[in-house]
Amino acid sequence: MTESASPRISRPRIKVSGVYPGDPPFRIVEIDGQVVGEARTVTDVLEVAAAFGVPVHDLDDPDTVRWVGGDKFTWTPRR
């Protein structure tokens, strides 16, 4: 019997939305598909992850964090 190889599909536990206008602008943070808070800085993302027990060793690792509408340096709304 031959084992079939299935591709590994990565689904990062953390998803950070695009920037929403506000004073200051913010991004919605989800962990495991649940909205868990808002972030106004990259530090906020790390704090929310830690509060939910999700270790983050590399914010640029797509297996860890999915950045929508920009990367970890994007904190102002697009025009």
PDB file of N, CA and C in Angstrom:
ATOM      1  N   MET A   1       0.851  -1.170   0.000  1.00  0.00           N
ATOM      2  CA  MET A   1       0.000   0.000   0.000  1.00  0.00           C
ATOM      3  C   MET A   1       0.898   1.235   0.000  1.00  0.00           C
ATOM      4  N   THR A   2       0.563   2.169  -0.832  1.00  0.00           N
ATOM      5  CA  THR A   2       1.351   3.382  -0.966  1.00  0.00           C
ATOM      6  C   THR A   2       0.661   4.532  -0.248  1.00  0.00           C
ATOM      7  N   GLU A   3       1.450   5.251   0.553  1.00  0.00           N
ATOM      8  CA  GLU A   3       0.886   6.419   1.222  1.00  0.00           C
ATOM      9  C   GLU A   3       0.841   7.577   0.246  1.00  0.00           C
ATOM     10  N   SER A   4      -0.245   8.285   0.258  1.00  0.00           N
ATOM     11  CA  SER A   4      -0.312   9.466  -0.603  1.00  0.00           C
ATOM     12  C   SER A   4       0.125  10.680   0.202  1.00  0.00           C
ATOM     13  N   ALA A   5       0.949  11.467  -0.403  1.00  0.00           N
ATOM     14  CA  ALA A   5       1.432  12.681   0.262  1.00  0.00           C
ATOM     15  C   ALA A   5       0.404  13.786   0.071  1.00  0.00           C
ATOM     16  N   SER A   6       0.021  14.399   1.167  1.00  0.00           N
ATOM     17  CA  SER A   6      -0.903  15.515   1.059  1.00  0.00           C
ATOM     18  C   SER A   6      -0.143  16.786   1.392  1.00  0.00           C
ATOM     19  N   PRO A   7      -0.369  17.832   0.627  1.00  0.00           N
ATOM     20  CA  PRO A   7       0.332  19.079   0.909  1.00  0.00           C
ATOM     21  C   PRO A   7      -0.105  19.650   2.247  1.00  0.00           C
ATOM     22  N   ARG A   8       0.816  20.229   2.935  1.00  0.00           N
ATOM     23  CA  ARG A   8       0.511  20.865   4.221  1.00  0.00           C
ATOM     24  C   ARG A   8      -0.052  22.247   3.948  1.00  0.00           C
ATOM     25  N   ILE A   9      -1.227  22.474   4.444  1.00  0.00           N
ATOM     26  CA  ILE A   9      -1.847  23.784   4.276  1.00  0.00           C
ATOM     27  C   ILE A   9      -1.722  24.517   5.608  1.00  0.00           C
ATOM     28  N   SER A  10      -1.027  25.627   5.560  1.00  0.00           N
ATOM     29  CA  SER A  10      -0.800  26.392   6.770  1.00  0.00           C
ATOM     30  C   SER A  10      -1.982  27.305   7.059  1.00  0.00           C
ATOM     31  N   ARG A  11      -2.404  27.283   8.280  1.00  0.00           N
ATOM     32  CA  ARG A  11      -3.443  28.209   8.740  1.00  0.00           C
ATOM     33  C   ARG A  11      -2.905  28.833  10.020  1.00  0.00           C
ATOM     34  N   PRO A  12      -2.350  30.033   9.898  1.00  0.00           N
ATOM     35  CA  PRO A  12      -1.783  30.659  11.091  1.00  0.00           C
ATOM     36  C   PRO A  12      -2.843  30.900  12.154  1.00  0.00           C
ATOM     37  N   ARG A  13      -2.436  30.788  13.405  1.00  0.00           N
ATOM     38  CA  ARG A  13      -3.380  30.979  14.511  1.00  0.00           C
ATOM     39  C   ARG A  13      -3.776  32.433  14.666  1.00  0.00           C
ATOM     40  N   ILE A  14      -2.892  33.355  14.248  1.00  0.00           N
ATOM     41  CA  ILE A  14      -3.142  34.781  14.427  1.00  0.00           C
ATOM     42  C   ILE A  14      -3.420  35.432  13.079  1.00  0.00           C
ATOM     43  N   LYS A  15      -4.487  36.210  13.018  1.00  0.00           N
ATOM     44  CA  LYS A  15      -4.804  36.992  11.821  1.00  0.00           C
ATOM     45  C   LYS A  15      -4.982  38.443  12.256  1.00  0.00           C
ATOM     46  N   VAL A  16      -4.304  39.344  11.549  1.00  0.00           N
ATOM     47  CA  VAL A  16      -4.409  40.769  11.834  1.00  0.00           C
ATOM     48  C   VAL A  16      -5.033  41.425  10.606  1.00  0.00           C
ATOM     49  N   SER A  17      -6.180  42.069  10.801  1.00  0.00           N
ATOM     50  CA  SER A  17      -6.929  42.669   9.689  1.00  0.00           C
ATOM     51  C   SER A  17      -6.215  43.879   9.116  1.00  0.00           C
ATOM     52  N   GLY A  18      -6.800  44.400   8.050  1.00  0.00           N
ATOM     53  CA  GLY A  18      -6.349  45.677   7.519  1.00  0.00           C
ATOM     54  C   GLY A  18      -6.660  46.784   8.514  1.00  0.00           C
ATOM     55  N   VAL A  19      -6.145  47.957   8.252  1.00  0.00           N
ATOM     56  CA  VAL A  19      -6.286  49.079   9.185  1.00  0.00           C
ATOM     57  C   VAL A  19      -7.668  49.722   9.044  1.00  0.00           C
ATOM     58  N   TYR A  20      -8.308  49.939  10.187  1.00  0.00           N
ATOM     59  CA  TYR A  20      -9.582  50.662  10.246  1.00  0.00           C
ATOM     60  C   TYR A  20      -9.308  52.100  10.675  1.00  0.00           C
ATOM     61  N   PRO A  21     -10.002  53.061  10.060  1.00  0.00           N
ATOM     62  CA  PRO A  21      -9.797  54.444  10.479  1.00  0.00           C
ATOM     63  C   PRO A  21     -10.297  54.646  11.906  1.00  0.00           C
ATOM     64  N   GLY A  22      -9.629  55.456  12.617  1.00  0.00           N
ATOM     65  CA  GLY A  22     -10.006  55.773  13.990  1.00  0.00           C
ATOM     66  C   GLY A  22      -9.011  56.771  14.529  1.00  0.00           C
ATOM     67  N   ASP A  23      -9.161  57.111  15.771  1.00  0.00           N
ATOM     68  CA  ASP A  23      -8.224  58.039  16.388  1.00  0.00           C
ATOM     69  C   ASP A  23      -7.705  57.417  17.678  1.00  0.00           C
ATOM     70  N   PRO A  24      -6.677  56.615  17.604  1.00  0.00           N
ATOM     71  CA  PRO A  24      -5.827  56.300  16.458  1.00  0.00           C
ATOM     72  C   PRO A  24      -6.397  55.138  15.638  1.00  0.00           C
ATOM     73  N   PRO A  25      -5.872  54.942  14.421  1.00  0.00           N
ATOM     74  CA  PRO A  25      -6.288  53.803  13.597  1.00  0.00           C
ATOM     75  C   PRO A  25      -5.980  52.492  14.322  1.00  0.00           C
ATOM     76  N   PHE A  26      -6.703  51.430  13.969  1.00  0.00           N
ATOM     77  CA  PHE A  26      -6.504  50.145  14.641  1.00  0.00           C
ATOM     78  C   PHE A  26      -6.697  48.996  13.664  1.00  0.00           C
ATOM     79  N   ARG A  27      -6.287  47.822  14.102  1.00  0.00           N
ATOM     80  CA  ARG A  27      -6.462  46.583  13.342  1.00  0.00           C
ATOM     81  C   ARG A  27      -7.104  45.553  14.274  1.00  0.00           C
ATOM     82  N   ILE A  28      -8.010  44.759  13.722  1.00  0.00           N
ATOM     83  CA  ILE A  28      -8.672  43.704  14.486  1.00  0.00           C
ATOM     84  C   ILE A  28      -7.732  42.489  14.531  1.00  0.00           C
ATOM     85  N   VAL A  29      -7.629  41.875  15.710  1.00  0.00           N
ATOM     86  CA  VAL A  29      -6.800  40.688  15.879  1.00  0.00           C
ATOM     87  C   VAL A  29      -7.703  39.492  16.149  1.00  0.00           C
ATOM     88  N   GLU A  30      -7.464  38.417  15.387  1.00  0.00           N
ATOM     89  CA  GLU A  30      -8.182  37.156  15.597  1.00  0.00           C
ATOM     90  C   GLU A  30      -7.173  36.088  15.990  1.00  0.00           C
ATOM     91  N   ILE A  31      -7.592  35.213  16.880  1.00  0.00           N
ATOM     92  CA  ILE A  31      -6.801  34.039  17.218  1.00  0.00           C
ATOM     93  C   ILE A  31      -7.707  32.836  17.071  1.00  0.00           C
ATOM     94  N   ASP A  32      -7.249  31.880  16.285  1.00  0.00           N
ATOM     95  CA  ASP A  32      -8.019  30.662  16.003  1.00  0.00           C
ATOM     96  C   ASP A  32      -9.427  30.985  15.508  1.00  0.00           C
ATOM     97  N   GLY A  33      -9.544  32.046  14.694  1.00  0.00           N
ATOM     98  CA  GLY A  33     -10.813  32.396  14.075  1.00  0.00           C
ATOM     99  C   GLY A  33     -11.741  33.233  14.940  1.00  0.00           C
ATOM    100  N   GLN A  34     -11.342  33.555  16.150  1.00  0.00           N
ATOM    101  CA  GLN A  34     -12.168  34.342  17.055  1.00  0.00           C
ATOM    102  C   GLN A  34     -11.578  35.741  17.215  1.00  0.00           C
ATOM    103  N   VAL A  35     -12.412  36.765  17.108  1.00  0.00           N
ATOM    104  CA  VAL A  35     -11.947  38.130  17.344  1.00  0.00           C
ATOM    105  C   VAL A  35     -11.623  38.253  18.828  1.00  0.00           C
ATOM    106  N   VAL A  36     -10.385  38.692  19.104  1.00  0.00           N
ATOM    107  CA  VAL A  36      -9.950  38.773  20.492  1.00  0.00           C
ATOM    108  C   VAL A  36      -9.541  40.179  20.919  1.00  0.00           C
ATOM    109  N   GLY A  37      -9.454  41.098  19.961  1.00  0.00           N
ATOM    110  CA  GLY A  37      -9.099  42.454  20.365  1.00  0.00           C
ATOM    111  C   GLY A  37      -8.721  43.342  19.208  1.00  0.00           C
ATOM    112  N   GLU A  38      -8.314  44.540  19.584  1.00  0.00           N
ATOM    113  CA  GLU A  38      -7.848  45.535  18.623  1.00  0.00           C
ATOM    114  C   GLU A  38      -6.387  45.821  18.902  1.00  0.00           C
ATOM    115  N   ALA A  39      -5.656  46.133  17.850  1.00  0.00           N
ATOM    116  CA  ALA A  39      -4.246  46.499  17.997  1.00  0.00           C
ATOM    117  C   ALA A  39      -4.024  47.847  17.338  1.00  0.00           C
ATOM    118  N   ARG A  40      -3.276  48.680  18.012  1.00  0.00           N
ATOM    119  CA  ARG A  40      -2.896  49.974  17.461  1.00  0.00           C
ATOM    120  C   ARG A  40      -1.419  50.023  17.130  1.00  0.00           C
ATOM    121  N   THR A  41      -0.697  49.010  17.623  1.00  0.00           N
ATOM    122  CA  THR A  41       0.738  48.876  17.355  1.00  0.00           C
ATOM    123  C   THR A  41       1.077  47.392  17.273  1.00  0.00           C
ATOM    124  N   VAL A  42       2.254  47.103  16.771  1.00  0.00           N
ATOM    125  CA  VAL A  42       2.700  45.714  16.699  1.00  0.00           C
ATOM    126  C   VAL A  42       2.865  45.135  18.109  1.00  0.00           C
ATOM    127  N   THR A  43       3.192  45.976  19.064  1.00  0.00           N
ATOM    128  CA  THR A  43       3.311  45.521  20.453  1.00  0.00           C
ATOM    129  C   THR A  43       1.969  44.996  20.959  1.00  0.00           C
ATOM    130  N   ASP A  44       0.876  45.649  20.559  1.00  0.00           N
ATOM    131  CA  ASP A  44      -0.458  45.177  20.946  1.00  0.00           C
ATOM    132  C   ASP A  44      -0.717  43.768  20.429  1.00  0.00           C
ATOM    133  N   VAL A  45      -0.282  43.485  19.214  1.00  0.00           N
ATOM    134  CA  VAL A  45      -0.461  42.136  18.641  1.00  0.00           C
ATOM    135  C   VAL A  45       0.273  41.123  19.512  1.00  0.00           C
ATOM    136  N   LEU A  46       1.500  41.429  19.890  1.00  0.00           N
ATOM    137  CA  LEU A  46       2.283  40.521  20.730  1.00  0.00           C
ATOM    138  C   LEU A  46       1.637  40.332  22.099  1.00  0.00           C
ATOM    139  N   GLU A  47       1.110  41.394  22.674  1.00  0.00           N
ATOM    140  CA  GLU A  47       0.465  41.307  23.980  1.00  0.00           C
ATOM    141  C   GLU A  47      -0.808  40.467  23.932  1.00  0.00           C
ATOM    142  N   VAL A  48      -1.608  40.640  22.876  1.00  0.00           N
ATOM    143  CA  VAL A  48      -2.832  39.841  22.731  1.00  0.00           C
ATOM    144  C   VAL A  48      -2.463  38.368  22.558  1.00  0.00           C
ATOM    145  N   ALA A  49      -1.472  38.093  21.724  1.00  0.00           N
ATOM    146  CA  ALA A  49      -1.043  36.709  21.514  1.00  0.00           C
ATOM    147  C   ALA A  49      -0.592  36.079  22.830  1.00  0.00           C
ATOM    148  N   ALA A  50       0.206  36.810  23.589  1.00  0.00           N
ATOM    149  CA  ALA A  50       0.690  36.290  24.875  1.00  0.00           C
ATOM    150  C   ALA A  50      -0.463  36.045  25.836  1.00  0.00           C
ATOM    151  N   ALA A  51      -1.448  36.944  25.852  1.00  0.00           N
ATOM    152  CA  ALA A  51      -2.595  36.795  26.743  1.00  0.00           C
ATOM    153  C   ALA A  51      -3.397  35.528  26.439  1.00  0.00           C
ATOM    154  N   PHE A  52      -3.356  35.089  25.183  1.00  0.00           N
ATOM    155  CA  PHE A  52      -4.083  33.887  24.784  1.00  0.00           C
ATOM    156  C   PHE A  52      -3.168  32.671  24.669  1.00  0.00           C
ATOM    157  N   GLY A  53      -1.927  32.820  25.139  1.00  0.00           N
ATOM    158  CA  GLY A  53      -1.005  31.687  25.171  1.00  0.00           C
ATOM    159  C   GLY A  53      -0.450  31.267  23.829  1.00  0.00           C
ATOM    160  N   VAL A  54      -0.425  32.182  22.883  1.00  0.00           N
ATOM    161  CA  VAL A  54       0.103  31.863  21.552  1.00  0.00           C
ATOM    162  C   VAL A  54       1.515  32.439  21.444  1.00  0.00           C
ATOM    163  N   PRO A  55       2.521  31.579  21.371  1.00  0.00           N
ATOM    164  CA  PRO A  55       3.896  32.081  21.262  1.00  0.00           C
ATOM    165  C   PRO A  55       4.168  32.656  19.878  1.00  0.00           C
ATOM    166  N   VAL A  56       4.831  33.792  19.845  1.00  0.00           N
ATOM    167  CA  VAL A  56       5.212  34.420  18.578  1.00  0.00           C
ATOM    168  C   VAL A  56       6.713  34.644  18.616  1.00  0.00           C
ATOM    169  N   HIS A  57       7.423  33.909  17.762  1.00  0.00           N
ATOM    170  CA  HIS A  57       8.870  34.044  17.693  1.00  0.00           C
ATOM    171  C   HIS A  57       9.294  34.886  16.499  1.00  0.00           C
ATOM    172  N   ASP A  58       8.417  34.958  15.487  1.00  0.00           N
ATOM    173  CA  ASP A  58       8.758  35.691  14.266  1.00  0.00           C
ATOM    174  C   ASP A  58       7.476  36.247  13.657  1.00  0.00           C
ATOM    175  N   LEU A  59       7.304  37.555  13.724  1.00  0.00           N
ATOM    176  CA  LEU A  59       6.103  38.196  13.171  1.00  0.00           C
ATOM    177  C   LEU A  59       6.046  38.134  11.655  1.00  0.00           C
ATOM    178  N   ASP A  60       7.151  37.782  11.012  1.00  0.00           N
ATOM    179  CA  ASP A  60       7.180  37.672   9.558  1.00  0.00           C
ATOM    180  C   ASP A  60       6.931  36.242   9.079  1.00  0.00           C
ATOM    181  N   ASP A  61       6.739  35.317   9.995  1.00  0.00           N
ATOM    182  CA  ASP A  61       6.499  33.918   9.632  1.00  0.00           C
ATOM    183  C   ASP A  61       5.026  33.737   9.262  1.00  0.00           C
ATOM    184  N   PRO A  62       4.735  33.438   7.992  1.00  0.00           N
ATOM    185  CA  PRO A  62       3.332  33.292   7.574  1.00  0.00           C
ATOM    186  C   PRO A  62       2.630  32.095   8.210  1.00  0.00           C
ATOM    187  N   ASP A  63       3.380  31.180   8.818  1.00  0.00           N
ATOM    188  CA  ASP A  63       2.760  30.079   9.552  1.00  0.00           C
ATOM    189  C   ASP A  63       2.305  30.516  10.937  1.00  0.00           C
ATOM    190  N   THR A  64       2.740  31.703  11.367  1.00  0.00           N
ATOM    191  CA  THR A  64       2.391  32.216  12.687  1.00  0.00           C
ATOM    192  C   THR A  64       1.353  33.323  12.615  1.00  0.00           C
ATOM    193  N   VAL A  65       1.589  34.311  11.731  1.00  0.00           N
ATOM    194  CA  VAL A  65       0.718  35.486  11.643  1.00  0.00           C
ATOM    195  C   VAL A  65       0.344  35.742  10.193  1.00  0.00           C
ATOM    196  N   ARG A  66      -0.930  35.994   9.962  1.00  0.00           N
ATOM    197  CA  ARG A  66      -1.388  36.429   8.636  1.00  0.00           C
ATOM    198  C   ARG A  66      -1.737  37.910   8.744  1.00  0.00           C
ATOM    199  N   TRP A  67      -0.996  38.727   8.003  1.00  0.00           N
ATOM    200  CA  TRP A  67      -1.231  40.174   7.964  1.00  0.00           C
ATOM    201  C   TRP A  67      -2.095  40.475   6.750  1.00  0.00           C
ATOM    202  N   VAL A  68      -3.251  41.084   6.946  1.00  0.00           N
ATOM    203  CA  VAL A  68      -4.170  41.414   5.859  1.00  0.00           C
ATOM    204  C   VAL A  68      -4.100  42.920   5.617  1.00  0.00           C
ATOM    205  N   GLY A  69      -3.943  43.317   4.375  1.00  0.00           N
ATOM    206  CA  GLY A  69      -3.954  44.741   4.054  1.00  0.00           C
ATOM    207  C   GLY A  69      -2.698  45.477   4.463  1.00  0.00           C
ATOM    208  N   GLY A  70      -1.613  44.774   4.561  1.00  0.00           N
ATOM    209  CA  GLY A  70      -0.346  45.393   4.942  1.00  0.00           C
ATOM    210  C   GLY A  70       0.443  44.456   5.835  1.00  0.00           C
ATOM    211  N   ASP A  71       1.597  44.910   6.253  1.00  0.00           N
ATOM    212  CA  ASP A  71       2.437  44.080   7.106  1.00  0.00           C
ATOM    213  C   ASP A  71       2.506  44.665   8.506  1.00  0.00           C
ATOM    214  N   LYS A  72       3.478  44.216   9.280  1.00  0.00           N
ATOM    215  CA  LYS A  72       3.584  44.667  10.664  1.00  0.00           C
ATOM    216  C   LYS A  72       3.936  46.144  10.801  1.00  0.00           C
ATOM    217  N   PHE A  73       4.325  46.766   9.692  1.00  0.00           N
ATOM    218  CA  PHE A  73       4.652  48.197   9.712  1.00  0.00           C
ATOM    219  C   PHE A  73       3.485  49.075   9.238  1.00  0.00           C
ATOM    220  N   THR A  74       2.362  48.480   8.877  1.00  0.00           N
ATOM    221  CA  THR A  74       1.219  49.221   8.335  1.00  0.00           C
ATOM    222  C   THR A  74       0.215  49.516   9.443  1.00  0.00           C
ATOM    223  N   TRP A  75       0.141  50.786   9.858  1.00  0.00           N
ATOM    224  CA  TRP A  75      -0.756  51.172  10.936  1.00  0.00           C
ATOM    225  C   TRP A  75      -1.568  52.423  10.606  1.00  0.00           C
ATOM    226  N   THR A  76      -1.592  52.806   9.322  1.00  0.00           N
ATOM    227  CA  THR A  76      -2.451  53.902   8.886  1.00  0.00           C
ATOM    228  C   THR A  76      -3.330  53.389   7.746  1.00  0.00           C
ATOM    229  N   PRO A  77      -4.565  53.876   7.656  1.00  0.00           N
ATOM    230  CA  PRO A  77      -5.481  53.419   6.600  1.00  0.00           C
ATOM    231  C   PRO A  77      -4.946  53.767   5.217  1.00  0.00           C
ATOM    232  N   ARG A  78      -5.232  52.881   4.272  1.00  0.00           N
ATOM    233  CA  ARG A  78      -4.869  53.156   2.866  1.00  0.00           C
ATOM    234  C   ARG A  78      -5.885  54.124   2.298  1.00  0.00           C
ATOM    235  N   ARG A  79      -5.420  54.955   1.375  1.00  0.00           N
ATOM    236  CA  ARG A  79      -6.329  55.927   0.753  1.00  0.00           C
ATOM    237  C   ARG A  79      -6.651  55.529  -0.644  1.00  0.00           C
TER     238      ARG A  79
END
